[in-house]
Amino acid sequence: MASRPFTETRFWGKISQNTLFYWKSLQNAIQTLNYLENISLSMTDEDDYTTGVVLQSNTAKKWYVGCVAKIDTGSKRTSIDSKLCNFLRLEQCGTTKVTNAMGSQRRKLVWLTIYWNKQVHCLKVSVVNREHLSTPMILGQDVLTEQGA
């Protein structure tokens, strides 16, 4: 059985009913997520359409947040919760018009570095209040097609 790499893990809090953790090193973040996958512990009791991701802060000294993201093949763009965006100190780099079942709205865009499935993805993501939803983030087609999924 793998050793528990939780020595550098810090509890941050809850967003969208999910517990988030942060690390000072990317290596510890990835080791923790791999450990959870190896012992078949899920970070959520949702379904097979969720996955653990590591997000990088936009600060001089980088730190990392692990969270659960829902995989959404119908979404063109990845989206992140506004509180999580503020916590990571992500800066706005534009806006976009989003149309969904609830109508049309303008959302701000931020640059985000995501570590998922052993790859680094640096992309523009939209920001929205996801407090009432089950996960603080959705992975859209922009990440999934880059991944070849």
N, C-alpha and C. Protein backbone atom coordinates (compact mmCIF):
# COMPACT_ATOMS: atom_id res chain seq x y z
N MET A 1 0.84 -1.18 0.00
CA MET A 1 0.00 0.00 0.00
C MET A 1 0.88 1.24 0.00
N ALA A 2 0.47 2.26 -0.76
CA ALA A 2 1.26 3.49 -0.87
C ALA A 2 1.26 4.25 0.45
N SER A 3 2.36 4.96 0.71
CA SER A 3 2.42 5.76 1.92
C SER A 3 1.53 6.98 1.77
N ARG A 4 1.04 7.49 2.88
CA ARG A 4 0.11 8.63 2.83
C ARG A 4 0.88 9.93 2.67
N PRO A 5 0.73 10.63 1.54
CA PRO A 5 1.48 11.87 1.29
C PRO A 5 0.76 13.10 1.81
N PHE A 6 0.12 13.02 2.98
CA PHE A 6 -0.66 14.13 3.48
C PHE A 6 0.11 15.08 4.39
N THR A 7 1.42 14.95 4.46
CA THR A 7 2.18 15.76 5.40
C THR A 7 2.10 17.25 5.08
N GLU A 8 2.03 17.61 3.80
CA GLU A 8 1.97 19.02 3.42
C GLU A 8 0.55 19.49 3.12
N THR A 9 -0.43 18.64 3.36
CA THR A 9 -1.80 18.98 3.03
C THR A 9 -2.38 19.92 4.08
N ARG A 10 -3.03 20.97 3.62
CA ARG A 10 -3.68 21.93 4.50
C ARG A 10 -5.16 21.99 4.14
N PHE A 11 -6.02 21.94 5.14
CA PHE A 11 -7.45 22.06 4.89
C PHE A 11 -7.77 23.51 4.59
N TRP A 12 -8.50 23.75 3.53
CA TRP A 12 -8.88 25.12 3.22
C TRP A 12 -10.32 25.40 3.57
N GLY A 13 -11.23 24.57 3.17
CA GLY A 13 -12.63 24.83 3.48
C GLY A 13 -13.55 24.11 2.54
N LYS A 14 -14.77 24.60 2.45
CA LYS A 14 -15.75 23.96 1.59
C LYS A 14 -16.26 24.97 0.57
N ILE A 15 -16.40 24.51 -0.65
CA ILE A 15 -17.06 25.27 -1.71
C ILE A 15 -17.97 24.29 -2.42
N SER A 16 -19.19 24.67 -2.65
CA SER A 16 -20.15 23.83 -3.37
C SER A 16 -20.24 22.43 -2.77
N GLN A 17 -20.33 22.34 -1.47
CA GLN A 17 -20.50 21.08 -0.74
C GLN A 17 -19.29 20.15 -0.84
N ASN A 18 -18.16 20.59 -1.36
CA ASN A 18 -16.98 19.75 -1.47
C ASN A 18 -15.84 20.32 -0.64
N THR A 19 -15.06 19.46 -0.05
CA THR A 19 -13.91 19.87 0.73
C THR A 19 -12.74 20.14 -0.20
N LEU A 20 -12.05 21.23 0.05
CA LEU A 20 -10.87 21.60 -0.75
C LEU A 20 -9.63 21.58 0.13
N PHE A 21 -8.52 21.19 -0.46
CA PHE A 21 -7.24 21.19 0.23
C PHE A 21 -6.24 21.96 -0.60
N TYR A 22 -5.22 22.52 0.06
CA TYR A 22 -4.17 23.16 -0.71
C TYR A 22 -2.80 22.69 -0.24
N TRP A 23 -1.84 22.81 -1.14
CA TRP A 23 -0.48 22.35 -0.89
C TRP A 23 0.50 23.43 -1.31
N LYS A 24 1.69 23.38 -0.73
CA LYS A 24 2.74 24.32 -1.10
C LYS A 24 3.56 23.81 -2.27
N SER A 25 3.45 22.51 -2.57
CA SER A 25 4.21 21.99 -3.70
C SER A 25 3.30 21.16 -4.61
N LEU A 26 3.52 21.28 -5.89
CA LEU A 26 2.73 20.54 -6.87
C LEU A 26 2.94 19.04 -6.69
N GLN A 27 4.14 18.63 -6.38
CA GLN A 27 4.44 17.21 -6.21
C GLN A 27 3.57 16.59 -5.12
N ASN A 28 3.43 17.28 -3.98
CA ASN A 28 2.59 16.77 -2.90
C ASN A 28 1.12 16.72 -3.30
N ALA A 29 0.67 17.71 -4.06
CA ALA A 29 -0.72 17.73 -4.52
C ALA A 29 -1.01 16.53 -5.41
N ILE A 30 -0.15 16.29 -6.37
CA ILE A 30 -0.34 15.18 -7.30
C ILE A 30 -0.23 13.84 -6.58
N GLN A 31 0.73 13.71 -5.66
CA GLN A 31 0.87 12.47 -4.89
C GLN A 31 -0.40 12.17 -4.10
N THR A 32 -0.99 13.19 -3.50
CA THR A 32 -2.21 13.00 -2.72
C THR A 32 -3.35 12.53 -3.61
N LEU A 33 -3.55 13.19 -4.77
CA LEU A 33 -4.62 12.78 -5.67
C LEU A 33 -4.39 11.37 -6.19
N ASN A 34 -3.14 11.03 -6.50
CA ASN A 34 -2.83 9.66 -6.95
C ASN A 34 -3.12 8.66 -5.85
N TYR A 35 -2.78 9.00 -4.61
CA TYR A 35 -3.04 8.12 -3.47
C TYR A 35 -4.55 7.86 -3.34
N LEU A 36 -5.35 8.92 -3.44
CA LEU A 36 -6.80 8.77 -3.34
C LEU A 36 -7.34 7.88 -4.45
N GLU A 37 -6.81 8.04 -5.67
CA GLU A 37 -7.25 7.20 -6.79
C GLU A 37 -6.83 5.74 -6.58
N ASN A 38 -5.63 5.52 -6.07
CA ASN A 38 -5.12 4.15 -5.89
C ASN A 38 -5.91 3.36 -4.86
N ILE A 39 -6.41 4.02 -3.83
CA ILE A 39 -7.17 3.28 -2.83
C ILE A 39 -8.68 3.42 -3.07
N SER A 40 -9.01 3.93 -4.25
CA SER A 40 -10.41 4.05 -4.69
C SER A 40 -11.27 4.89 -3.76
N LEU A 41 -10.70 5.93 -3.20
CA LEU A 41 -11.48 6.87 -2.42
C LEU A 41 -11.87 8.02 -3.32
N SER A 42 -13.11 8.33 -3.37
CA SER A 42 -13.58 9.44 -4.19
C SER A 42 -13.67 10.67 -3.30
N MET A 43 -13.41 11.84 -3.89
CA MET A 43 -13.53 13.07 -3.14
C MET A 43 -14.99 13.51 -3.07
N THR A 44 -15.86 12.82 -3.77
CA THR A 44 -17.28 13.14 -3.76
C THR A 44 -18.08 11.86 -3.93
N ASP A 45 -19.31 11.88 -3.52
CA ASP A 45 -20.19 10.72 -3.69
C ASP A 45 -21.07 10.88 -4.91
N GLU A 46 -20.66 11.69 -5.84
CA GLU A 46 -21.44 11.97 -7.05
C GLU A 46 -21.56 10.73 -7.92
N ASP A 47 -20.97 10.74 -9.07
CA ASP A 47 -21.07 9.65 -10.02
C ASP A 47 -19.75 9.52 -10.76
N ASP A 48 -19.75 8.76 -11.84
CA ASP A 48 -18.53 8.54 -12.59
C ASP A 48 -18.11 9.73 -13.44
N TYR A 49 -18.88 10.79 -13.44
CA TYR A 49 -18.57 11.95 -14.28
C TYR A 49 -17.85 13.05 -13.52
N THR A 50 -17.22 12.70 -12.41
CA THR A 50 -16.41 13.67 -11.67
C THR A 50 -14.98 13.18 -11.60
N THR A 51 -14.06 14.12 -11.40
CA THR A 51 -12.65 13.78 -11.33
C THR A 51 -11.94 14.78 -10.42
N GLY A 52 -10.83 14.37 -9.85
CA GLY A 52 -10.02 15.27 -9.04
C GLY A 52 -9.07 16.05 -9.94
N VAL A 53 -8.94 17.35 -9.69
CA VAL A 53 -8.01 18.20 -10.43
C VAL A 53 -7.20 19.02 -9.45
N VAL A 54 -6.04 19.50 -9.90
CA VAL A 54 -5.21 20.39 -9.10
C VAL A 54 -5.13 21.72 -9.83
N LEU A 55 -5.40 22.81 -9.12
CA LEU A 55 -5.40 24.15 -9.69
C LEU A 55 -4.23 24.94 -9.11
N GLN A 56 -3.63 25.80 -9.92
CA GLN A 56 -2.47 26.58 -9.49
C GLN A 56 -2.88 28.02 -9.21
N SER A 57 -2.37 28.58 -8.13
CA SER A 57 -2.67 29.97 -7.78
C SER A 57 -1.95 30.93 -8.73
N ASN A 58 -2.43 32.17 -8.76
CA ASN A 58 -1.79 33.21 -9.55
C ASN A 58 -1.06 34.17 -8.61
N THR A 59 -0.10 33.64 -7.88
CA THR A 59 0.67 34.43 -6.93
C THR A 59 2.16 34.28 -7.24
N ALA A 60 2.97 35.15 -6.67
CA ALA A 60 4.41 35.06 -6.90
C ALA A 60 4.95 33.70 -6.44
N LYS A 61 4.56 33.30 -5.25
CA LYS A 61 4.93 31.98 -4.74
C LYS A 61 3.73 31.06 -4.99
N LYS A 62 3.86 30.14 -5.90
CA LYS A 62 2.74 29.29 -6.31
C LYS A 62 2.33 28.31 -5.22
N TRP A 63 1.04 28.06 -5.10
CA TRP A 63 0.50 27.02 -4.26
C TRP A 63 -0.66 26.40 -5.01
N TYR A 64 -1.14 25.25 -4.54
CA TYR A 64 -2.03 24.42 -5.34
C TYR A 64 -3.26 24.01 -4.54
N VAL A 65 -4.40 23.96 -5.24
CA VAL A 65 -5.67 23.58 -4.62
C VAL A 65 -6.19 22.34 -5.33
N GLY A 66 -6.59 21.34 -4.56
CA GLY A 66 -7.22 20.15 -5.13
C GLY A 66 -8.72 20.25 -4.97
N CYS A 67 -9.45 19.95 -6.02
CA CYS A 67 -10.91 19.98 -5.92
C CYS A 67 -11.51 18.95 -6.88
N VAL A 68 -12.80 18.79 -6.79
CA VAL A 68 -13.53 17.88 -7.66
C VAL A 68 -14.13 18.70 -8.79
N ALA A 69 -14.00 18.20 -10.02
CA ALA A 69 -14.60 18.85 -11.18
C ALA A 69 -15.53 17.87 -11.87
N LYS A 70 -16.64 18.38 -12.35
CA LYS A 70 -17.57 17.55 -13.12
C LYS A 70 -17.17 17.61 -14.58
N ILE A 71 -17.13 16.47 -15.25
CA ILE A 71 -16.81 16.40 -16.67
C ILE A 71 -18.09 16.65 -17.45
N ASP A 72 -18.09 17.70 -18.27
CA ASP A 72 -19.27 18.11 -19.02
C ASP A 72 -18.93 18.19 -20.50
N THR A 73 -19.28 17.15 -21.25
CA THR A 73 -18.95 17.11 -22.68
C THR A 73 -19.79 18.10 -23.48
N GLY A 74 -20.88 18.60 -22.92
CA GLY A 74 -21.73 19.56 -23.62
C GLY A 74 -21.29 21.00 -23.44
N SER A 75 -20.36 21.24 -22.53
CA SER A 75 -19.89 22.60 -22.27
C SER A 75 -18.65 22.89 -23.12
N LYS A 76 -18.68 23.99 -23.85
CA LYS A 76 -17.53 24.33 -24.69
C LYS A 76 -16.33 24.79 -23.87
N ARG A 77 -16.60 25.45 -22.76
CA ARG A 77 -15.53 26.05 -21.97
C ARG A 77 -15.56 25.55 -20.52
N THR A 78 -14.41 25.43 -19.93
CA THR A 78 -14.29 25.09 -18.51
C THR A 78 -14.77 26.27 -17.68
N SER A 79 -15.39 25.98 -16.55
CA SER A 79 -15.95 27.02 -15.69
C SER A 79 -15.55 26.77 -14.25
N ILE A 80 -15.33 27.85 -13.49
CA ILE A 80 -14.88 27.75 -12.10
C ILE A 80 -15.74 28.63 -11.21
N ASP A 81 -15.89 28.23 -9.97
CA ASP A 81 -16.68 28.99 -9.00
C ASP A 81 -16.01 30.33 -8.69
N SER A 82 -16.81 31.37 -8.49
CA SER A 82 -16.27 32.71 -8.25
C SER A 82 -15.48 32.78 -6.94
N LYS A 83 -15.91 32.08 -5.88
CA LYS A 83 -15.15 32.10 -4.62
C LYS A 83 -13.80 31.42 -4.78
N LEU A 84 -13.78 30.31 -5.51
CA LEU A 84 -12.53 29.61 -5.76
C LEU A 84 -11.60 30.46 -6.61
N CYS A 85 -12.17 31.17 -7.57
CA CYS A 85 -11.39 32.09 -8.42
C CYS A 85 -10.72 33.17 -7.55
N ASN A 86 -11.48 33.74 -6.63
CA ASN A 86 -10.93 34.77 -5.74
C ASN A 86 -9.86 34.19 -4.83
N PHE A 87 -10.09 32.98 -4.32
CA PHE A 87 -9.13 32.33 -3.45
C PHE A 87 -7.80 32.10 -4.17
N LEU A 88 -7.86 31.72 -5.45
CA LEU A 88 -6.65 31.48 -6.24
C LEU A 88 -6.02 32.78 -6.75
N ARG A 89 -6.71 33.89 -6.53
CA ARG A 89 -6.24 35.22 -6.97
C ARG A 89 -6.05 35.30 -8.48
N LEU A 90 -7.02 34.77 -9.20
CA LEU A 90 -6.95 34.79 -10.66
C LEU A 90 -7.42 36.15 -11.17
N GLU A 91 -6.73 36.67 -12.17
CA GLU A 91 -7.05 37.99 -12.70
C GLU A 91 -7.86 37.87 -13.98
N GLN A 92 -8.79 38.82 -14.15
CA GLN A 92 -9.65 38.82 -15.32
C GLN A 92 -8.84 39.11 -16.58
N CYS A 93 -9.14 38.37 -17.66
CA CYS A 93 -8.44 38.58 -18.93
C CYS A 93 -9.43 38.80 -20.07
N GLY A 94 -10.70 39.04 -19.74
CA GLY A 94 -11.70 39.30 -20.76
C GLY A 94 -13.08 38.87 -20.29
N THR A 95 -14.04 38.91 -21.23
CA THR A 95 -15.39 38.45 -20.94
C THR A 95 -15.88 37.60 -22.11
N THR A 96 -16.94 36.85 -21.86
CA THR A 96 -17.54 36.03 -22.90
C THR A 96 -19.04 35.98 -22.68
N LYS A 97 -19.77 35.74 -23.74
CA LYS A 97 -21.22 35.58 -23.64
C LYS A 97 -21.52 34.09 -23.59
N VAL A 98 -22.26 33.67 -22.56
CA VAL A 98 -22.59 32.26 -22.37
C VAL A 98 -24.10 32.10 -22.50
N THR A 99 -24.51 31.13 -23.32
CA THR A 99 -25.92 30.82 -23.48
C THR A 99 -26.16 29.40 -23.00
N ASN A 100 -27.12 29.25 -22.09
CA ASN A 100 -27.48 27.92 -21.59
C ASN A 100 -28.98 27.87 -21.37
N ALA A 101 -29.46 26.85 -20.70
CA ALA A 101 -30.89 26.69 -20.46
C ALA A 101 -31.50 27.84 -19.66
N MET A 102 -30.66 28.51 -18.89
CA MET A 102 -31.13 29.62 -18.06
C MET A 102 -31.16 30.95 -18.82
N GLY A 103 -30.69 30.97 -20.06
CA GLY A 103 -30.65 32.20 -20.86
C GLY A 103 -29.22 32.58 -21.19
N SER A 104 -29.03 33.86 -21.55
CA SER A 104 -27.70 34.37 -21.90
C SER A 104 -27.18 35.28 -20.80
N GLN A 105 -25.88 35.24 -20.61
CA GLN A 105 -25.24 36.13 -19.64
C GLN A 105 -23.78 36.35 -20.03
N ARG A 106 -23.24 37.47 -19.55
CA ARG A 106 -21.82 37.75 -19.76
C ARG A 106 -21.07 37.27 -18.53
N ARG A 107 -19.96 36.57 -18.78
CA ARG A 107 -19.12 36.08 -17.68
C ARG A 107 -17.69 36.55 -17.89
N LYS A 108 -17.01 36.76 -16.77
CA LYS A 108 -15.61 37.13 -16.90
C LYS A 108 -14.77 35.89 -17.18
N LEU A 109 -13.64 36.11 -17.85
CA LEU A 109 -12.69 35.05 -18.17
C LEU A 109 -11.42 35.27 -17.39
N VAL A 110 -10.80 34.18 -16.93
CA VAL A 110 -9.52 34.24 -16.22
C VAL A 110 -8.61 33.16 -16.76
N TRP A 111 -7.30 33.39 -16.69
CA TRP A 111 -6.33 32.34 -17.03
C TRP A 111 -6.17 31.41 -15.85
N LEU A 112 -6.20 30.11 -16.11
CA LEU A 112 -6.07 29.12 -15.04
C LEU A 112 -5.17 27.98 -15.51
N THR A 113 -4.28 27.54 -14.64
CA THR A 113 -3.45 26.37 -14.91
C THR A 113 -4.04 25.19 -14.14
N ILE A 114 -4.39 24.14 -14.89
CA ILE A 114 -5.03 22.95 -14.34
C ILE A 114 -4.11 21.75 -14.55
N TYR A 115 -3.92 20.95 -13.53
CA TYR A 115 -3.19 19.69 -13.63
C TYR A 115 -4.23 18.58 -13.54
N TRP A 116 -4.41 17.87 -14.65
CA TRP A 116 -5.41 16.81 -14.70
C TRP A 116 -4.95 15.70 -15.61
N ASN A 117 -5.12 14.48 -15.17
CA ASN A 117 -4.81 13.31 -15.97
C ASN A 117 -3.36 13.32 -16.47
N LYS A 118 -2.45 13.70 -15.58
CA LYS A 118 -1.01 13.73 -15.84
C LYS A 118 -0.61 14.72 -16.93
N GLN A 119 -1.42 15.77 -17.13
CA GLN A 119 -1.10 16.82 -18.10
C GLN A 119 -1.38 18.18 -17.50
N VAL A 120 -0.68 19.19 -18.04
CA VAL A 120 -0.87 20.57 -17.63
C VAL A 120 -1.70 21.26 -18.71
N HIS A 121 -2.75 21.95 -18.27
CA HIS A 121 -3.61 22.70 -19.18
C HIS A 121 -3.63 24.14 -18.72
N CYS A 122 -3.21 25.06 -19.57
CA CYS A 122 -3.25 26.49 -19.26
C CYS A 122 -4.27 27.11 -20.22
N LEU A 123 -5.41 27.55 -19.67
CA LEU A 123 -6.49 28.01 -20.54
C LEU A 123 -7.34 29.07 -19.88
N LYS A 124 -8.16 29.73 -20.71
CA LYS A 124 -9.11 30.71 -20.22
C LYS A 124 -10.36 29.97 -19.77
N VAL A 125 -10.80 30.27 -18.56
CA VAL A 125 -12.01 29.65 -18.02
C VAL A 125 -13.01 30.74 -17.63
N SER A 126 -14.29 30.42 -17.69
CA SER A 126 -15.30 31.39 -17.29
C SER A 126 -15.55 31.27 -15.78
N VAL A 127 -15.99 32.37 -15.21
CA VAL A 127 -16.22 32.45 -13.76
C VAL A 127 -17.71 32.65 -13.52
N VAL A 128 -18.27 31.83 -12.62
CA VAL A 128 -19.70 31.91 -12.30
C VAL A 128 -19.90 31.45 -10.85
N ASN A 129 -20.97 31.88 -10.23
CA ASN A 129 -21.30 31.44 -8.88
C ASN A 129 -21.83 30.01 -8.97
N ARG A 130 -21.07 29.05 -8.46
CA ARG A 130 -21.46 27.64 -8.48
C ARG A 130 -21.76 27.13 -7.07
N GLU A 131 -22.04 28.04 -6.13
CA GLU A 131 -22.30 27.67 -4.73
C GLU A 131 -23.41 26.65 -4.59
N HIS A 132 -24.44 26.78 -5.38
CA HIS A 132 -25.60 25.91 -5.26
C HIS A 132 -25.43 24.58 -6.02
N LEU A 133 -24.31 24.41 -6.71
CA LEU A 133 -24.06 23.20 -7.49
C LEU A 133 -23.17 22.22 -6.72
N SER A 134 -23.09 21.00 -7.20
CA SER A 134 -22.39 19.96 -6.44
C SER A 134 -20.87 20.03 -6.54
N THR A 135 -20.33 20.68 -7.56
CA THR A 135 -18.87 20.79 -7.71
C THR A 135 -18.49 22.24 -8.00
N PRO A 136 -17.31 22.68 -7.56
CA PRO A 136 -16.91 24.07 -7.78
C PRO A 136 -16.37 24.32 -9.19
N MET A 137 -16.36 23.29 -10.03
CA MET A 137 -15.75 23.45 -11.35
C MET A 137 -16.31 22.44 -12.32
N ILE A 138 -16.40 22.83 -13.60
CA ILE A 138 -16.71 21.85 -14.65
C ILE A 138 -15.58 21.87 -15.67
N LEU A 139 -15.23 20.70 -16.16
CA LEU A 139 -14.25 20.58 -17.24
C LEU A 139 -15.03 20.51 -18.54
N GLY A 140 -14.77 21.46 -19.42
CA GLY A 140 -15.47 21.53 -20.70
C GLY A 140 -14.67 20.92 -21.84
N GLN A 141 -15.20 21.10 -23.05
CA GLN A 141 -14.58 20.54 -24.24
C GLN A 141 -13.17 21.08 -24.47
N ASP A 142 -12.88 22.30 -24.00
CA ASP A 142 -11.54 22.87 -24.21
C ASP A 142 -10.46 22.00 -23.58
N VAL A 143 -10.72 21.43 -22.40
CA VAL A 143 -9.76 20.52 -21.75
C VAL A 143 -9.88 19.12 -22.32
N LEU A 144 -11.10 18.66 -22.52
CA LEU A 144 -11.33 17.28 -22.95
C LEU A 144 -10.77 17.02 -24.35
N THR A 145 -10.92 17.96 -25.29
CA THR A 145 -10.38 17.75 -26.64
C THR A 145 -8.86 17.87 -26.65
N GLU A 146 -8.32 18.72 -25.79
CA GLU A 146 -6.87 18.83 -25.63
C GLU A 146 -6.32 17.50 -25.12
N GLN A 147 -7.12 16.85 -24.26
CA GLN A 147 -6.72 15.58 -23.65
C GLN A 147 -6.89 14.42 -24.62
N GLY A 148 -7.76 14.59 -25.61
CA GLY A 148 -8.01 13.51 -26.55
C GLY A 148 -9.05 12.54 -26.03
N ALA A 149 -9.88 13.02 -25.10
CA ALA A 149 -10.92 12.15 -24.51
C ALA A 149 -12.13 12.04 -25.42
